[in-house]
Amino acid sequence: MLQRILNAPGLIGRQTLRPPKYLFELLLFTLRALNPRQQGQIRLNQASYRTLLGQLIFSGVDALPVIFLLALASGLAITTQIILTIQLIGDRAEVIDILIRVVIFELSTLLTAILLIGRSGSAITVDIGNMKLNRELEGLEMLGINLNHFLITPRVLGTGLAQAVLAIFFAVVALASGIVVLAYTQNAGYLSYLPEVAFSLHPYDLLLFLVKNLLFGVIIGSTACFHALRVSQSRTELPQQTQQAIVNSLTIVFVLNALFIVFMQPSLL
């Protein structure tokens, strides 16, 4: 009992330092993956571009039907309710402002990131983790293939680009579907919201939206690869690392999204 009491400060200190240490290691891993040159060599080559293209197809193109259905449901359930509710207590400018805040900048980003984490993030962790368990990564290294060039960088870039494209697609579908449904069921004048919302978007906000989604996608891909390479010898580690990759990606994305709102978009508070 006395020994446990004496060890308590050290245990608390280790638990306190674990999150900062993890974030620092993940940051270094991500920066190494995004470094365009390493040891005088260009990071992306022909094989890397094929891996990048495959990741874009899996994370982006193949996810379009699911994103479309999710955006359509969000438009019918959220966009329509925002317009019908806010117009009762505010003017047209306030309705447009809420649509930009909620549907475009927040809903599209977060729901797309959640889908990408569950679909692509877990798949990347399982794929690379299995390659490590089957010692395929060792074989690639023995052949002189740089794992970062061939596996890590294309997947990190692929998820980043996929997140940005899917978020834009989600925002357009969610916004347009809700407005079109209102125009069809109630009043054709609701269609005027579409050009008004488009003209109300500030270029700075659009740039910030693009940067935020690229960052979230990079974090999702990097976290998945980071945990996949943590798998050592036991197959029981693979589901554990996959679960940690999903939970940590979700946590980081939501925390960063809150920080973006607080520090980068004070006008949207």
C-alpha atoms as a PDB file:
ATOM      1  CA  MET A   1       0.000   0.000   0.000  1.00  0.00           C
ATOM      2  CA  LEU A   2       2.824   2.358   0.909  1.00  0.00           C
ATOM      3  CA  GLN A   3       4.610   1.488  -2.313  1.00  0.00           C
ATOM      4  CA  ARG A   4       1.538   2.411  -4.349  1.00  0.00           C
ATOM      5  CA  ILE A   5       1.292   5.755  -2.571  1.00  0.00           C
ATOM      6  CA  LEU A   6       4.966   6.458  -3.276  1.00  0.00           C
ATOM      7  CA  ASN A   7       4.549   5.522  -6.947  1.00  0.00           C
ATOM      8  CA  ALA A   8       1.420   7.663  -7.370  1.00  0.00           C
ATOM      9  CA  PRO A   9       3.238  10.934  -8.290  1.00  0.00           C
ATOM     10  CA  GLY A  10       5.272   9.173 -10.973  1.00  0.00           C
ATOM     11  CA  LEU A  11       2.168   7.501 -12.409  1.00  0.00           C
ATOM     12  CA  ILE A  12       0.282  10.795 -12.496  1.00  0.00           C
ATOM     13  CA  GLY A  13       3.240  12.484 -14.176  1.00  0.00           C
ATOM     14  CA  ARG A  14       3.498   9.790 -16.862  1.00  0.00           C
ATOM     15  CA  GLN A  15      -0.232   9.944 -17.570  1.00  0.00           C
ATOM     16  CA  THR A  16      -0.079  13.742 -17.770  1.00  0.00           C
ATOM     17  CA  LEU A  17       2.827  13.711 -20.218  1.00  0.00           C
ATOM     18  CA  ARG A  18       1.365  10.989 -22.425  1.00  0.00           C
ATOM     19  CA  PRO A  19      -0.964  13.204 -24.551  1.00  0.00           C
ATOM     20  CA  PRO A  20       1.674  15.896 -25.270  1.00  0.00           C
ATOM     21  CA  LYS A  21       4.230  13.200 -26.097  1.00  0.00           C
ATOM     22  CA  TYR A  22       1.778  11.484 -28.424  1.00  0.00           C
ATOM     23  CA  LEU A  23       0.894  14.739 -30.198  1.00  0.00           C
ATOM     24  CA  PHE A  24       4.570  15.633 -30.588  1.00  0.00           C
ATOM     25  CA  GLU A  25       5.400  12.228 -32.087  1.00  0.00           C
ATOM     26  CA  LEU A  26       2.401  12.438 -34.403  1.00  0.00           C
ATOM     27  CA  LEU A  27       3.423  15.944 -35.503  1.00  0.00           C
ATOM     28  CA  LEU A  28       6.956  14.811 -36.345  1.00  0.00           C
ATOM     29  CA  PHE A  29       5.562  11.801 -38.211  1.00  0.00           C
ATOM     30  CA  THR A  30       3.261  14.054 -40.240  1.00  0.00           C
ATOM     31  CA  LEU A  31       5.993  16.566 -41.048  1.00  0.00           C
ATOM     32  CA  ARG A  32       8.283  13.760 -42.233  1.00  0.00           C
ATOM     33  CA  ALA A  33       5.485  12.446 -44.433  1.00  0.00           C
ATOM     34  CA  LEU A  34       4.850  15.871 -45.977  1.00  0.00           C
ATOM     35  CA  ASN A  35       8.506  16.794 -46.466  1.00  0.00           C
ATOM     36  CA  PRO A  36       8.866  17.047 -50.279  1.00  0.00           C
ATOM     37  CA  ARG A  37      12.516  15.989 -50.206  1.00  0.00           C
ATOM     38  CA  GLN A  38      14.441  13.514 -48.107  1.00  0.00           C
ATOM     39  CA  GLN A  39      18.141  12.788 -48.394  1.00  0.00           C
ATOM     40  CA  GLY A  40      18.234  14.663 -51.697  1.00  0.00           C
ATOM     41  CA  GLN A  41      15.466  12.560 -53.281  1.00  0.00           C
ATOM     42  CA  ILE A  42      12.064  13.753 -54.456  1.00  0.00           C
ATOM     43  CA  ARG A  43       9.434  12.301 -52.148  1.00  0.00           C
ATOM     44  CA  LEU A  44       6.877  11.388 -54.840  1.00  0.00           C
ATOM     45  CA  ASN A  45       7.818   9.200 -57.803  1.00  0.00           C
ATOM     46  CA  GLN A  46       5.847   7.157 -60.319  1.00  0.00           C
ATOM     47  CA  ALA A  47       5.030   4.387 -57.842  1.00  0.00           C
ATOM     48  CA  SER A  48       4.006   6.962 -55.247  1.00  0.00           C
ATOM     49  CA  TYR A  49       1.636   8.630 -57.702  1.00  0.00           C
ATOM     50  CA  ARG A  50      -0.051   5.286 -58.368  1.00  0.00           C
ATOM     51  CA  THR A  51      -0.534   4.800 -54.626  1.00  0.00           C
ATOM     52  CA  LEU A  52      -1.833   8.365 -54.329  1.00  0.00           C
ATOM     53  CA  LEU A  53      -4.284   7.812 -57.176  1.00  0.00           C
ATOM     54  CA  GLY A  54      -5.519   4.591 -55.576  1.00  0.00           C
ATOM     55  CA  GLN A  55      -6.032   6.364 -52.257  1.00  0.00           C
ATOM     56  CA  LEU A  56      -7.928   9.200 -53.941  1.00  0.00           C
ATOM     57  CA  ILE A  57     -10.211   6.715 -55.679  1.00  0.00           C
ATOM     58  CA  PHE A  58     -10.896   4.779 -52.482  1.00  0.00           C
ATOM     59  CA  SER A  59     -11.261   7.750 -50.120  1.00  0.00           C
ATOM     60  CA  GLY A  60     -12.823  10.186 -52.569  1.00  0.00           C
ATOM     61  CA  VAL A  61     -14.545   8.677 -55.595  1.00  0.00           C
ATOM     62  CA  ASP A  62     -15.839   5.532 -53.898  1.00  0.00           C
ATOM     63  CA  ALA A  63     -17.193   7.606 -50.992  1.00  0.00           C
ATOM     64  CA  LEU A  64     -19.243   9.946 -53.201  1.00  0.00           C
ATOM     65  CA  PRO A  65     -22.489   7.888 -53.077  1.00  0.00           C
ATOM     66  CA  VAL A  66     -22.393   7.699 -49.278  1.00  0.00           C
ATOM     67  CA  ILE A  67     -21.546  11.401 -48.987  1.00  0.00           C
ATOM     68  CA  PHE A  68     -24.367  12.250 -51.381  1.00  0.00           C
ATOM     69  CA  LEU A  69     -26.947  10.346 -49.339  1.00  0.00           C
ATOM     70  CA  LEU A  70     -25.646  11.821 -46.080  1.00  0.00           C
ATOM     71  CA  ALA A  71     -25.650  15.345 -47.522  1.00  0.00           C
ATOM     72  CA  LEU A  72     -29.121  14.858 -48.980  1.00  0.00           C
ATOM     73  CA  ALA A  73     -30.462  13.707 -45.613  1.00  0.00           C
ATOM     74  CA  SER A  74     -28.742  16.628 -43.881  1.00  0.00           C
ATOM     75  CA  GLY A  75     -30.234  19.069 -46.369  1.00  0.00           C
ATOM     76  CA  LEU A  76     -33.750  17.743 -45.842  1.00  0.00           C
ATOM     77  CA  ALA A  77     -33.416  17.566 -42.060  1.00  0.00           C
ATOM     78  CA  ILE A  78     -31.207  20.555 -41.204  1.00  0.00           C
ATOM     79  CA  THR A  79     -31.097  23.090 -44.045  1.00  0.00           C
ATOM     80  CA  THR A  80     -34.871  23.209 -44.362  1.00  0.00           C
ATOM     81  CA  GLN A  81     -35.364  23.542 -40.610  1.00  0.00           C
ATOM     82  CA  ILE A  82     -32.781  26.328 -40.345  1.00  0.00           C
ATOM     83  CA  ILE A  83     -34.532  28.357 -43.046  1.00  0.00           C
ATOM     84  CA  LEU A  84     -38.041  27.777 -41.716  1.00  0.00           C
ATOM     85  CA  THR A  85     -37.055  28.487 -38.101  1.00  0.00           C
ATOM     86  CA  ILE A  86     -34.682  31.431 -38.450  1.00  0.00           C
ATOM     87  CA  GLN A  87     -36.909  33.327 -40.888  1.00  0.00           C
ATOM     88  CA  LEU A  88     -39.582  33.458 -38.163  1.00  0.00           C
ATOM     89  CA  ILE A  89     -37.322  35.354 -35.755  1.00  0.00           C
ATOM     90  CA  GLY A  90     -34.797  37.061 -38.037  1.00  0.00           C
ATOM     91  CA  ASP A  91     -34.370  38.657 -41.415  1.00  0.00           C
ATOM     92  CA  ARG A  92     -33.066  37.121 -44.645  1.00  0.00           C
ATOM     93  CA  ALA A  93     -29.452  38.104 -43.944  1.00  0.00           C
ATOM     94  CA  GLU A  94     -29.506  36.205 -40.647  1.00  0.00           C
ATOM     95  CA  VAL A  95     -30.859  33.101 -42.374  1.00  0.00           C
ATOM     96  CA  ILE A  96     -28.028  33.202 -44.907  1.00  0.00           C
ATOM     97  CA  ASP A  97     -25.464  33.773 -42.159  1.00  0.00           C
ATOM     98  CA  ILE A  98     -26.685  30.744 -40.202  1.00  0.00           C
ATOM     99  CA  LEU A  99     -26.660  28.587 -43.320  1.00  0.00           C
ATOM    100  CA  ILE A 100     -23.040  29.536 -43.994  1.00  0.00           C
ATOM    101  CA  ARG A 101     -22.007  28.944 -40.396  1.00  0.00           C
ATOM    102  CA  VAL A 102     -23.769  25.673 -39.760  1.00  0.00           C
ATOM    103  CA  VAL A 103     -24.189  23.866 -43.073  1.00  0.00           C
ATOM    104  CA  ILE A 104     -21.084  24.945 -44.977  1.00  0.00           C
ATOM    105  CA  PHE A 105     -18.389  25.595 -42.393  1.00  0.00           C
ATOM    106  CA  GLU A 106     -19.283  23.125 -39.652  1.00  0.00           C
ATOM    107  CA  LEU A 107     -21.681  20.387 -40.730  1.00  0.00           C
ATOM    108  CA  SER A 108     -19.970  19.547 -44.013  1.00  0.00           C
ATOM    109  CA  THR A 109     -16.514  19.489 -42.449  1.00  0.00           C
ATOM    110  CA  LEU A 110     -17.318  17.414 -39.376  1.00  0.00           C
ATOM    111  CA  LEU A 111     -19.623  14.845 -40.993  1.00  0.00           C
ATOM    112  CA  THR A 112     -17.201  14.333 -43.869  1.00  0.00           C
ATOM    113  CA  ALA A 113     -14.314  13.895 -41.439  1.00  0.00           C
ATOM    114  CA  ILE A 114     -16.276  11.388 -39.347  1.00  0.00           C
ATOM    115  CA  LEU A 115     -17.108   9.355 -42.449  1.00  0.00           C
ATOM    116  CA  LEU A 116     -13.510   9.522 -43.673  1.00  0.00           C
ATOM    117  CA  ILE A 117     -12.192   8.376 -40.279  1.00  0.00           C
ATOM    118  CA  GLY A 118     -14.565   5.431 -40.086  1.00  0.00           C
ATOM    119  CA  ARG A 119     -14.121   4.404 -43.690  1.00  0.00           C
ATOM    120  CA  SER A 120     -10.629   5.319 -44.892  1.00  0.00           C
ATOM    121  CA  GLY A 121      -8.769   5.845 -41.611  1.00  0.00           C
ATOM    122  CA  SER A 122      -9.611   2.398 -40.295  1.00  0.00           C
ATOM    123  CA  ALA A 123      -8.920   0.786 -43.678  1.00  0.00           C
ATOM    124  CA  ILE A 124      -5.453   2.391 -43.874  1.00  0.00           C
ATOM    125  CA  THR A 125      -4.577   1.199 -40.373  1.00  0.00           C
ATOM    126  CA  VAL A 126      -5.712  -2.355 -41.099  1.00  0.00           C
ATOM    127  CA  ASP A 127      -3.991  -2.442 -44.494  1.00  0.00           C
ATOM    128  CA  ILE A 128      -0.560  -1.217 -43.385  1.00  0.00           C
ATOM    129  CA  GLY A 129      -0.842  -3.036 -40.046  1.00  0.00           C
ATOM    130  CA  ASN A 130      -1.412  -6.345 -41.837  1.00  0.00           C
ATOM    131  CA  MET A 131       1.524  -5.625 -44.132  1.00  0.00           C
ATOM    132  CA  LYS A 132       3.725  -5.151 -41.084  1.00  0.00           C
ATOM    133  CA  LEU A 133       2.449  -8.311 -39.387  1.00  0.00           C
ATOM    134  CA  ASN A 134       3.082 -10.320 -42.558  1.00  0.00           C
ATOM    135  CA  ARG A 135       6.589  -8.777 -42.786  1.00  0.00           C
ATOM    136  CA  GLU A 136       5.797  -7.301 -46.178  1.00  0.00           C
ATOM    137  CA  LEU A 137       7.221  -3.962 -45.057  1.00  0.00           C
ATOM    138  CA  GLU A 138      10.520  -5.639 -44.224  1.00  0.00           C
ATOM    139  CA  GLY A 139      10.567  -7.134 -47.714  1.00  0.00           C
ATOM    140  CA  LEU A 140       9.994  -3.726 -49.288  1.00  0.00           C
ATOM    141  CA  GLU A 141      12.813  -2.224 -47.246  1.00  0.00           C
ATOM    142  CA  MET A 142      15.142  -5.071 -48.265  1.00  0.00           C
ATOM    143  CA  LEU A 143      14.364  -4.227 -51.892  1.00  0.00           C
ATOM    144  CA  GLY A 144      15.499  -0.661 -51.221  1.00  0.00           C
ATOM    145  CA  ILE A 145      11.997   0.845 -51.347  1.00  0.00           C
ATOM    146  CA  ASN A 146      11.442   3.826 -49.068  1.00  0.00           C
ATOM    147  CA  LEU A 147       8.274   3.138 -47.094  1.00  0.00           C
ATOM    148  CA  ASN A 148       7.528   6.819 -46.614  1.00  0.00           C
ATOM    149  CA  HIS A 149       7.755   7.471 -50.344  1.00  0.00           C
ATOM    150  CA  PHE A 150       5.746   4.428 -51.342  1.00  0.00           C
ATOM    151  CA  LEU A 151       3.138   4.045 -48.570  1.00  0.00           C
ATOM    152  CA  ILE A 152       2.888   6.902 -46.075  1.00  0.00           C
ATOM    153  CA  THR A 153       3.106  10.149 -48.062  1.00  0.00           C
ATOM    154  CA  PRO A 154       0.616   9.123 -50.804  1.00  0.00           C
ATOM    155  CA  ARG A 155      -1.942   8.041 -48.218  1.00  0.00           C
ATOM    156  CA  VAL A 156      -1.569  11.201 -46.145  1.00  0.00           C
ATOM    157  CA  LEU A 157      -1.893  13.428 -49.205  1.00  0.00           C
ATOM    158  CA  GLY A 158      -4.728  11.315 -50.580  1.00  0.00           C
ATOM    159  CA  THR A 159      -6.858  11.605 -47.460  1.00  0.00           C
ATOM    160  CA  GLY A 160      -6.167  15.345 -47.277  1.00  0.00           C
ATOM    161  CA  LEU A 161      -7.325  15.968 -50.838  1.00  0.00           C
ATOM    162  CA  ALA A 162     -10.290  13.608 -50.438  1.00  0.00           C
ATOM    163  CA  GLN A 163     -11.470  15.406 -47.290  1.00  0.00           C
ATOM    164  CA  ALA A 164     -11.370  18.790 -49.041  1.00  0.00           C
ATOM    165  CA  VAL A 165     -13.223  17.606 -52.161  1.00  0.00           C
ATOM    166  CA  LEU A 166     -15.838  15.618 -50.238  1.00  0.00           C
ATOM    167  CA  ALA A 167     -16.513  18.507 -47.848  1.00  0.00           C
ATOM    168  CA  ILE A 168     -17.146  20.868 -50.774  1.00  0.00           C
ATOM    169  CA  PHE A 169     -19.413  18.292 -52.420  1.00  0.00           C
ATOM    170  CA  PHE A 170     -21.281  17.736 -49.136  1.00  0.00           C
ATOM    171  CA  ALA A 171     -21.826  21.464 -48.596  1.00  0.00           C
ATOM    172  CA  VAL A 172     -23.208  22.000 -52.114  1.00  0.00           C
ATOM    173  CA  VAL A 173     -25.586  19.024 -51.943  1.00  0.00           C
ATOM    174  CA  ALA A 174     -26.782  19.711 -48.387  1.00  0.00           C
ATOM    175  CA  LEU A 175     -27.455  23.363 -49.144  1.00  0.00           C
ATOM    176  CA  ALA A 176     -29.030  22.889 -52.566  1.00  0.00           C
ATOM    177  CA  SER A 177     -31.217  19.927 -51.615  1.00  0.00           C
ATOM    178  CA  GLY A 178     -32.817  21.712 -48.663  1.00  0.00           C
ATOM    179  CA  ILE A 179     -33.507  24.880 -50.648  1.00  0.00           C
ATOM    180  CA  VAL A 180     -34.864  23.007 -53.666  1.00  0.00           C
ATOM    181  CA  VAL A 181     -37.220  20.958 -51.483  1.00  0.00           C
ATOM    182  CA  LEU A 182     -38.571  24.129 -49.858  1.00  0.00           C
ATOM    183  CA  ALA A 183     -38.998  25.745 -53.262  1.00  0.00           C
ATOM    184  CA  TYR A 184     -40.891  22.717 -54.555  1.00  0.00           C
ATOM    185  CA  THR A 185     -43.112  22.155 -51.510  1.00  0.00           C
ATOM    186  CA  GLN A 186     -43.781  25.725 -50.368  1.00  0.00           C
ATOM    187  CA  ASN A 187     -42.619  28.696 -52.430  1.00  0.00           C
ATOM    188  CA  ALA A 188     -40.436  28.980 -55.514  1.00  0.00           C
ATOM    189  CA  GLY A 189     -38.974  32.166 -54.034  1.00  0.00           C
ATOM    190  CA  TYR A 190     -36.762  30.054 -51.796  1.00  0.00           C
ATOM    191  CA  LEU A 191     -34.549  29.358 -54.826  1.00  0.00           C
ATOM    192  CA  SER A 192     -33.173  32.876 -54.495  1.00  0.00           C
ATOM    193  CA  TYR A 193     -31.284  31.681 -51.423  1.00  0.00           C
ATOM    194  CA  LEU A 194     -28.847  29.773 -53.640  1.00  0.00           C
ATOM    195  CA  PRO A 195     -27.229  32.783 -55.396  1.00  0.00           C
ATOM    196  CA  GLU A 196     -27.480  34.901 -52.233  1.00  0.00           C
ATOM    197  CA  VAL A 197     -25.546  32.332 -50.197  1.00  0.00           C
ATOM    198  CA  ALA A 198     -22.937  32.023 -52.958  1.00  0.00           C
ATOM    199  CA  PHE A 199     -22.385  35.782 -53.144  1.00  0.00           C
ATOM    200  CA  SER A 200     -22.246  36.050 -49.327  1.00  0.00           C
ATOM    201  CA  LEU A 201     -19.231  33.747 -49.073  1.00  0.00           C
ATOM    202  CA  HIS A 202     -16.078  35.765 -48.418  1.00  0.00           C
ATOM    203  CA  PRO A 203     -12.896  34.592 -50.225  1.00  0.00           C
ATOM    204  CA  TYR A 204     -11.032  34.524 -46.893  1.00  0.00           C
ATOM    205  CA  ASP A 205     -13.661  32.208 -45.395  1.00  0.00           C
ATOM    206  CA  LEU A 206     -13.504  29.945 -48.440  1.00  0.00           C
ATOM    207  CA  LEU A 207      -9.724  29.755 -48.172  1.00  0.00           C
ATOM    208  CA  LEU A 208      -9.974  28.973 -44.466  1.00  0.00           C
ATOM    209  CA  PHE A 209     -12.585  26.302 -45.212  1.00  0.00           C
ATOM    210  CA  LEU A 210     -10.260  24.672 -47.747  1.00  0.00           C
ATOM    211  CA  VAL A 211      -7.213  24.832 -45.445  1.00  0.00           C
ATOM    212  CA  LYS A 212      -9.150  23.401 -42.519  1.00  0.00           C
ATOM    213  CA  ASN A 213     -10.419  20.445 -44.531  1.00  0.00           C
ATOM    214  CA  LEU A 214      -6.996  19.740 -46.018  1.00  0.00           C
ATOM    215  CA  LEU A 215      -5.547  19.793 -42.496  1.00  0.00           C
ATOM    216  CA  PHE A 216      -8.225  17.463 -41.146  1.00  0.00           C
ATOM    217  CA  GLY A 217      -7.691  15.019 -43.996  1.00  0.00           C
ATOM    218  CA  VAL A 218      -3.934  15.025 -43.484  1.00  0.00           C
ATOM    219  CA  ILE A 219      -4.424  14.372 -39.762  1.00  0.00           C
ATOM    220  CA  ILE A 220      -6.764  11.460 -40.474  1.00  0.00           C
ATOM    221  CA  GLY A 221      -4.337   9.807 -42.880  1.00  0.00           C
ATOM    222  CA  SER A 222      -1.287  10.500 -40.744  1.00  0.00           C
ATOM    223  CA  THR A 223      -2.902   9.167 -37.569  1.00  0.00           C
ATOM    224  CA  ALA A 224      -3.988   5.995 -39.357  1.00  0.00           C
ATOM    225  CA  CYS A 225      -0.474   5.361 -40.727  1.00  0.00           C
ATOM    226  CA  PHE A 226       1.125   6.248 -37.390  1.00  0.00           C
ATOM    227  CA  HIS A 227      -0.901   3.661 -35.491  1.00  0.00           C
ATOM    228  CA  ALA A 228      -0.511   1.049 -38.224  1.00  0.00           C
ATOM    229  CA  LEU A 229       3.276   1.202 -37.865  1.00  0.00           C
ATOM    230  CA  ARG A 230       2.902   0.750 -34.104  1.00  0.00           C
ATOM    231  CA  VAL A 231       1.717  -2.819 -34.669  1.00  0.00           C
ATOM    232  CA  SER A 232       4.623  -5.088 -33.793  1.00  0.00           C
ATOM    233  CA  GLN A 233       4.188  -8.868 -33.676  1.00  0.00           C
ATOM    234  CA  SER A 234       0.820  -9.808 -32.225  1.00  0.00           C
ATOM    235  CA  ARG A 235      -2.355  -9.780 -34.318  1.00  0.00           C
ATOM    236  CA  THR A 236      -4.304  -8.653 -31.260  1.00  0.00           C
ATOM    237  CA  GLU A 237      -2.515  -5.313 -31.578  1.00  0.00           C
ATOM    238  CA  LEU A 238      -4.143  -4.556 -34.938  1.00  0.00           C
ATOM    239  CA  PRO A 239      -7.725  -4.011 -33.688  1.00  0.00           C
ATOM    240  CA  GLN A 240      -6.337  -2.116 -30.689  1.00  0.00           C
ATOM    241  CA  GLN A 241      -4.315   0.254 -32.857  1.00  0.00           C
ATOM    242  CA  THR A 242      -7.244   0.649 -35.272  1.00  0.00           C
ATOM    243  CA  GLN A 243      -9.517   1.641 -32.408  1.00  0.00           C
ATOM    244  CA  GLN A 244      -6.939   4.084 -31.060  1.00  0.00           C
ATOM    245  CA  ALA A 245      -6.478   5.607 -34.516  1.00  0.00           C
ATOM    246  CA  ILE A 246     -10.231   6.188 -34.864  1.00  0.00           C
ATOM    247  CA  VAL A 247     -10.684   7.633 -31.367  1.00  0.00           C
ATOM    248  CA  ASN A 248      -7.598   9.847 -31.554  1.00  0.00           C
ATOM    249  CA  SER A 249      -8.493  11.124 -35.018  1.00  0.00           C
ATOM    250  CA  LEU A 250     -11.987  12.057 -33.867  1.00  0.00           C
ATOM    251  CA  THR A 251     -10.631  13.781 -30.773  1.00  0.00           C
ATOM    252  CA  ILE A 252      -8.010  15.784 -32.657  1.00  0.00           C
ATOM    253  CA  VAL A 253     -10.450  16.819 -35.404  1.00  0.00           C
ATOM    254  CA  PHE A 254     -13.100  18.045 -32.955  1.00  0.00           C
ATOM    255  CA  VAL A 255     -10.573  19.894 -30.796  1.00  0.00           C
ATOM    256  CA  LEU A 256      -8.966  21.555 -33.819  1.00  0.00           C
ATOM    257  CA  ASN A 257     -12.374  22.487 -35.173  1.00  0.00           C
ATOM    258  CA  ALA A 258     -13.165  24.253 -31.897  1.00  0.00           C
ATOM    259  CA  LEU A 259      -9.803  26.038 -32.022  1.00  0.00           C
ATOM    260  CA  PHE A 260     -10.486  27.173 -35.584  1.00  0.00           C
ATOM    261  CA  ILE A 261     -13.772  28.714 -34.465  1.00  0.00           C
ATOM    262  CA  VAL A 262     -12.221  30.460 -31.482  1.00  0.00           C
ATOM    263  CA  PHE A 263      -8.996  31.779 -33.012  1.00  0.00           C
ATOM    264  CA  MET A 264      -9.437  31.839 -36.792  1.00  0.00           C
ATOM    265  CA  GLN A 265     -13.088  32.720 -37.260  1.00  0.00           C
ATOM    266  CA  PRO A 266     -14.037  35.236 -34.602  1.00  0.00           C
ATOM    267  CA  SER A 267     -16.687  36.649 -36.930  1.00  0.00           C
ATOM    268  CA  LEU A 268     -18.507  33.315 -36.849  1.00  0.00           C
ATOM    269  CA  LEU A 269     -18.799  33.193 -33.046  1.00  0.00           C
END
